[in-house]
Amino acid sequence: MANARSQFDMIAGYFERAHEVQVGLLYGKPCMRLNGDAFAAYALDGLALRLHGRSLARALQMPGVKTWDPLRPDHAAPGWVLIPAEQVLRWDRLALDALRCAREASEGRVSYAVPAPPAPPAQEAAASTAEDLGKRAAAAVSGGFGSLRLTTPAE
């Protein structure tokens, strides 16, 4: 796809000028490197990126994205994902995420394990019914207001 390759070349040119990135080859595929380590490549009419953390988890949730290996495209390498050309409008932002991940990797602050999805929000306690409130008020009046609680029973 000509537009996808043009987009990769445009991103690579910008990164080369503005972010000290080197453009080269990764197993015969055009790639971007930071300090000699590849973090992005153009392969199979898509953008292959090495991500970690939330960036990796978000990328894997996008339609058409799959894991990828630079040497063996039918396998998965830690952190590598292939973003299809259908997602070309998101390539700029994802490439910046990959550059940030590459900088963090050079500092040794990276785990390529996919983080677990966030836990669902805790359910709130059910609201008191009128009957429950009546019972609590009656107990408070009969007990001289000493048993009156201004918090919900769940607290």
C-alpha atoms as a PDB file:
ATOM      1  CA  MET A   1       0.000   0.000   0.000  1.00  0.00           C
ATOM      2  CA  ALA A   2       1.679   3.172  -1.219  1.00  0.00           C
ATOM      3  CA  ASN A   3       0.040   5.503   1.301  1.00  0.00           C
ATOM      4  CA  ALA A   4       1.150   3.342   4.234  1.00  0.00           C
ATOM      5  CA  ARG A   5       4.765   3.320   3.032  1.00  0.00           C
ATOM      6  CA  SER A   6       4.647   7.078   2.443  1.00  0.00           C
ATOM      7  CA  GLN A   7       3.328   7.574   5.977  1.00  0.00           C
ATOM      8  CA  PHE A   8       6.136   5.414   7.411  1.00  0.00           C
ATOM      9  CA  ASP A   9       8.742   7.386   5.438  1.00  0.00           C
ATOM     10  CA  MET A  10       7.263  10.686   6.639  1.00  0.00           C
ATOM     11  CA  ILE A  11       7.301   9.560  10.295  1.00  0.00           C
ATOM     12  CA  ALA A  12      10.842   8.200   9.937  1.00  0.00           C
ATOM     13  CA  GLY A  13      12.047  11.447   8.368  1.00  0.00           C
ATOM     14  CA  TYR A  14      10.537  13.517  11.151  1.00  0.00           C
ATOM     15  CA  PHE A  15      11.997  11.271  13.870  1.00  0.00           C
ATOM     16  CA  GLU A  16      15.400  11.392  12.180  1.00  0.00           C
ATOM     17  CA  ARG A  17      15.381  15.209  12.174  1.00  0.00           C
ATOM     18  CA  ALA A  18      13.746  15.893  15.530  1.00  0.00           C
ATOM     19  CA  HIS A  19      14.490  12.943  17.812  1.00  0.00           C
ATOM     20  CA  GLU A  20      18.009  11.664  17.011  1.00  0.00           C
ATOM     21  CA  VAL A  21      16.613   8.492  15.453  1.00  0.00           C
ATOM     22  CA  GLN A  22      18.555   6.569  12.827  1.00  0.00           C
ATOM     23  CA  VAL A  23      16.790   5.115   9.800  1.00  0.00           C
ATOM     24  CA  GLY A  24      18.074   1.765   8.617  1.00  0.00           C
ATOM     25  CA  LEU A  25      17.119  -1.838   7.938  1.00  0.00           C
ATOM     26  CA  LEU A  26      15.878  -4.565  10.261  1.00  0.00           C
ATOM     27  CA  TYR A  27      16.171  -7.957   8.543  1.00  0.00           C
ATOM     28  CA  GLY A  28      15.675  -6.214   5.188  1.00  0.00           C
ATOM     29  CA  LYS A  29      12.750  -4.076   6.358  1.00  0.00           C
ATOM     30  CA  PRO A  30      12.946  -0.279   6.684  1.00  0.00           C
ATOM     31  CA  CYS A  31      13.172   0.613  10.370  1.00  0.00           C
ATOM     32  CA  MET A  32      13.833   3.325  12.914  1.00  0.00           C
ATOM     33  CA  ARG A  33      16.500   2.839  15.571  1.00  0.00           C
ATOM     34  CA  LEU A  34      17.375   4.616  18.767  1.00  0.00           C
ATOM     35  CA  ASN A  35      20.973   4.063  19.881  1.00  0.00           C
ATOM     36  CA  GLY A  36      21.183   1.094  17.494  1.00  0.00           C
ATOM     37  CA  ASP A  37      18.062  -0.697  18.782  1.00  0.00           C
ATOM     38  CA  ALA A  38      15.094  -0.950  16.417  1.00  0.00           C
ATOM     39  CA  PHE A  39      11.752   0.196  17.801  1.00  0.00           C
ATOM     40  CA  ALA A  40       9.702   0.603  14.602  1.00  0.00           C
ATOM     41  CA  ALA A  41       9.690  -1.036  11.191  1.00  0.00           C
ATOM     42  CA  TYR A  42       7.618  -1.103   8.033  1.00  0.00           C
ATOM     43  CA  ALA A  43       6.492  -4.653   7.320  1.00  0.00           C
ATOM     44  CA  LEU A  44       3.594  -6.376   5.576  1.00  0.00           C
ATOM     45  CA  ASP A  45       2.043  -2.990   4.673  1.00  0.00           C
ATOM     46  CA  GLY A  46       1.854  -2.125   8.357  1.00  0.00           C
ATOM     47  CA  LEU A  47       3.806  -0.426  11.082  1.00  0.00           C
ATOM     48  CA  ALA A  48       5.572  -2.787  13.474  1.00  0.00           C
ATOM     49  CA  LEU A  49       6.338  -1.233  16.845  1.00  0.00           C
ATOM     50  CA  ARG A  50       7.981  -2.350  20.057  1.00  0.00           C
ATOM     51  CA  LEU A  51       5.849  -1.155  22.950  1.00  0.00           C
ATOM     52  CA  HIS A  52       5.422  -1.942  26.618  1.00  0.00           C
ATOM     53  CA  GLY A  53       3.041  -1.244  29.476  1.00  0.00           C
ATOM     54  CA  ARG A  54      -0.200   0.564  28.818  1.00  0.00           C
ATOM     55  CA  SER A  55       0.884   1.482  25.295  1.00  0.00           C
ATOM     56  CA  LEU A  56       1.224  -2.207  24.453  1.00  0.00           C
ATOM     57  CA  ALA A  57      -2.105  -3.076  26.071  1.00  0.00           C
ATOM     58  CA  ARG A  58      -3.916  -0.263  24.221  1.00  0.00           C
ATOM     59  CA  ALA A  59      -2.362  -1.214  20.894  1.00  0.00           C
ATOM     60  CA  LEU A  60      -3.388  -4.853  21.267  1.00  0.00           C
ATOM     61  CA  GLN A  61      -6.994  -3.756  21.789  1.00  0.00           C
ATOM     62  CA  MET A  62      -7.126  -1.950  18.438  1.00  0.00           C
ATOM     63  CA  PRO A  63      -8.868  -3.716  15.542  1.00  0.00           C
ATOM     64  CA  GLY A  64      -6.518  -5.699  13.305  1.00  0.00           C
ATOM     65  CA  VAL A  65      -3.443  -5.398  15.538  1.00  0.00           C
ATOM     66  CA  LYS A  66      -1.488  -8.582  16.134  1.00  0.00           C
ATOM     67  CA  THR A  67       1.746  -9.613  17.779  1.00  0.00           C
ATOM     68  CA  TRP A  68       4.774  -9.790  15.520  1.00  0.00           C
ATOM     69  CA  ASP A  69       8.394 -10.901  15.399  1.00  0.00           C
ATOM     70  CA  PRO A  70      10.933  -9.034  13.215  1.00  0.00           C
ATOM     71  CA  LEU A  71      12.763 -12.239  12.264  1.00  0.00           C
ATOM     72  CA  ARG A  72       9.843 -14.675  12.104  1.00  0.00           C
ATOM     73  CA  PRO A  73       6.650 -12.772  11.202  1.00  0.00           C
ATOM     74  CA  ASP A  74       4.433 -15.764  12.024  1.00  0.00           C
ATOM     75  CA  HIS A  75       5.616 -15.759  15.657  1.00  0.00           C
ATOM     76  CA  ALA A  76       5.386 -13.240  18.500  1.00  0.00           C
ATOM     77  CA  ALA A  77       8.330 -11.394  20.020  1.00  0.00           C
ATOM     78  CA  PRO A  78       8.027  -9.630  23.381  1.00  0.00           C
ATOM     79  CA  GLY A  79       6.537  -6.195  22.928  1.00  0.00           C
ATOM     80  CA  TRP A  80       6.344  -6.195  19.124  1.00  0.00           C
ATOM     81  CA  VAL A  81       2.982  -5.511  17.494  1.00  0.00           C
ATOM     82  CA  LEU A  82       1.992  -5.014  13.861  1.00  0.00           C
ATOM     83  CA  ILE A  83      -0.411  -2.120  13.299  1.00  0.00           C
ATOM     84  CA  PRO A  84      -2.250  -2.608   9.982  1.00  0.00           C
ATOM     85  CA  ALA A  85      -2.550   0.068   7.313  1.00  0.00           C
ATOM     86  CA  GLU A  86      -6.235   0.479   8.238  1.00  0.00           C
ATOM     87  CA  GLN A  87      -4.982   2.191  11.414  1.00  0.00           C
ATOM     88  CA  VAL A  88      -2.607   4.521   9.545  1.00  0.00           C
ATOM     89  CA  LEU A  89      -4.157   7.618  11.137  1.00  0.00           C
ATOM     90  CA  ARG A  90      -2.963   6.373  14.543  1.00  0.00           C
ATOM     91  CA  TRP A  91       0.592   5.594  13.445  1.00  0.00           C
ATOM     92  CA  ASP A  92       2.005   9.008  14.455  1.00  0.00           C
ATOM     93  CA  ARG A  93       0.882   8.722  18.076  1.00  0.00           C
ATOM     94  CA  LEU A  94       1.843   5.056  18.331  1.00  0.00           C
ATOM     95  CA  ALA A  95       5.284   5.757  16.864  1.00  0.00           C
ATOM     96  CA  LEU A  96       5.838   8.439  19.526  1.00  0.00           C
ATOM     97  CA  ASP A  97       4.819   5.897  22.170  1.00  0.00           C
ATOM     98  CA  ALA A  98       7.306   3.415  20.693  1.00  0.00           C
ATOM     99  CA  LEU A  99      10.065   6.053  20.795  1.00  0.00           C
ATOM    100  CA  ARG A 100       9.280   6.753  24.461  1.00  0.00           C
ATOM    101  CA  CYS A 101       9.325   3.010  25.150  1.00  0.00           C
ATOM    102  CA  ALA A 102      12.696   2.706  23.385  1.00  0.00           C
ATOM    103  CA  ARG A 103      14.124   5.489  25.552  1.00  0.00           C
ATOM    104  CA  GLU A 104      12.828   3.776  28.682  1.00  0.00           C
ATOM    105  CA  ALA A 105      14.242   0.442  27.472  1.00  0.00           C
ATOM    106  CA  SER A 106      17.685   2.002  27.079  1.00  0.00           C
ATOM    107  CA  GLU A 107      17.433   2.975  30.754  1.00  0.00           C
ATOM    108  CA  GLY A 108      16.407  -0.565  31.715  1.00  0.00           C
ATOM    109  CA  ARG A 109      12.935   0.405  32.961  1.00  0.00           C
ATOM    110  CA  VAL A 110      10.883  -1.937  30.778  1.00  0.00           C
ATOM    111  CA  SER A 111       8.783  -5.063  31.063  1.00  0.00           C
ATOM    112  CA  TYR A 112       7.289  -6.356  27.844  1.00  0.00           C
ATOM    113  CA  ALA A 113       4.620  -8.349  29.661  1.00  0.00           C
ATOM    114  CA  VAL A 114       1.139  -7.213  28.726  1.00  0.00           C
ATOM    115  CA  PRO A 115      -0.385  -5.616  31.823  1.00  0.00           C
ATOM    116  CA  ALA A 116      -3.605  -7.048  33.175  1.00  0.00           C
ATOM    117  CA  PRO A 117      -6.726  -5.111  32.264  1.00  0.00           C
ATOM    118  CA  PRO A 118      -7.899  -2.718  34.957  1.00  0.00           C
ATOM    119  CA  ALA A 119     -10.181  -4.178  37.595  1.00  0.00           C
ATOM    120  CA  PRO A 120     -13.844  -3.314  37.190  1.00  0.00           C
ATOM    121  CA  PRO A 121     -14.995  -0.519  39.457  1.00  0.00           C
ATOM    122  CA  ALA A 122     -16.218  -1.638  42.862  1.00  0.00           C
ATOM    123  CA  GLN A 123     -19.963  -1.776  43.176  1.00  0.00           C
ATOM    124  CA  GLU A 124     -21.484   0.747  45.495  1.00  0.00           C
ATOM    125  CA  ALA A 125     -23.569  -0.376  48.427  1.00  0.00           C
ATOM    126  CA  ALA A 126     -27.271  -0.525  47.655  1.00  0.00           C
ATOM    127  CA  ALA A 127     -29.237   2.484  48.806  1.00  0.00           C
ATOM    128  CA  SER A 128     -31.257   2.035  51.975  1.00  0.00           C
ATOM    129  CA  THR A 129     -34.918   1.361  51.477  1.00  0.00           C
ATOM    130  CA  ALA A 130     -37.596   3.375  53.236  1.00  0.00           C
ATOM    131  CA  GLU A 131     -38.307   0.374  55.459  1.00  0.00           C
ATOM    132  CA  ASP A 132     -34.638   0.106  56.530  1.00  0.00           C
ATOM    133  CA  LEU A 133     -34.493   3.811  57.294  1.00  0.00           C
ATOM    134  CA  GLY A 134     -37.695   3.558  59.342  1.00  0.00           C
ATOM    135  CA  LYS A 135     -36.285   0.692  61.400  1.00  0.00           C
ATOM    136  CA  ARG A 136     -33.056   2.592  62.050  1.00  0.00           C
ATOM    137  CA  ALA A 137     -34.933   5.730  63.087  1.00  0.00           C
ATOM    138  CA  ALA A 138     -37.232   3.748  65.409  1.00  0.00           C
ATOM    139  CA  ALA A 139     -34.247   2.031  67.024  1.00  0.00           C
ATOM    140  CA  ALA A 140     -32.533   5.375  67.509  1.00  0.00           C
ATOM    141  CA  VAL A 141     -35.580   6.953  69.136  1.00  0.00           C
ATOM    142  CA  SER A 142     -36.178   3.991  71.438  1.00  0.00           C
ATOM    143  CA  GLY A 143     -32.501   3.830  72.388  1.00  0.00           C
ATOM    144  CA  GLY A 144     -32.200   7.529  73.164  1.00  0.00           C
ATOM    145  CA  PHE A 145     -30.386   8.318  69.920  1.00  0.00           C
ATOM    146  CA  GLY A 146     -27.211   6.600  71.163  1.00  0.00           C
ATOM    147  CA  SER A 147     -27.453   3.942  68.447  1.00  0.00           C
ATOM    148  CA  LEU A 148     -28.078   6.420  65.625  1.00  0.00           C
ATOM    149  CA  ARG A 149     -25.398   6.148  62.936  1.00  0.00           C
ATOM    150  CA  LEU A 150     -25.035   8.753  60.288  1.00  0.00           C
ATOM    151  CA  THR A 151     -23.129   6.401  57.960  1.00  0.00           C
ATOM    152  CA  THR A 152     -24.409   3.577  55.823  1.00  0.00           C
ATOM    153  CA  PRO A 153     -24.196   0.014  57.223  1.00  0.00           C
ATOM    154  CA  ALA A 154     -21.497  -0.899  54.652  1.00  0.00           C
ATOM    155  CA  GLU A 155     -19.036   1.575  56.174  1.00  0.00           C
END
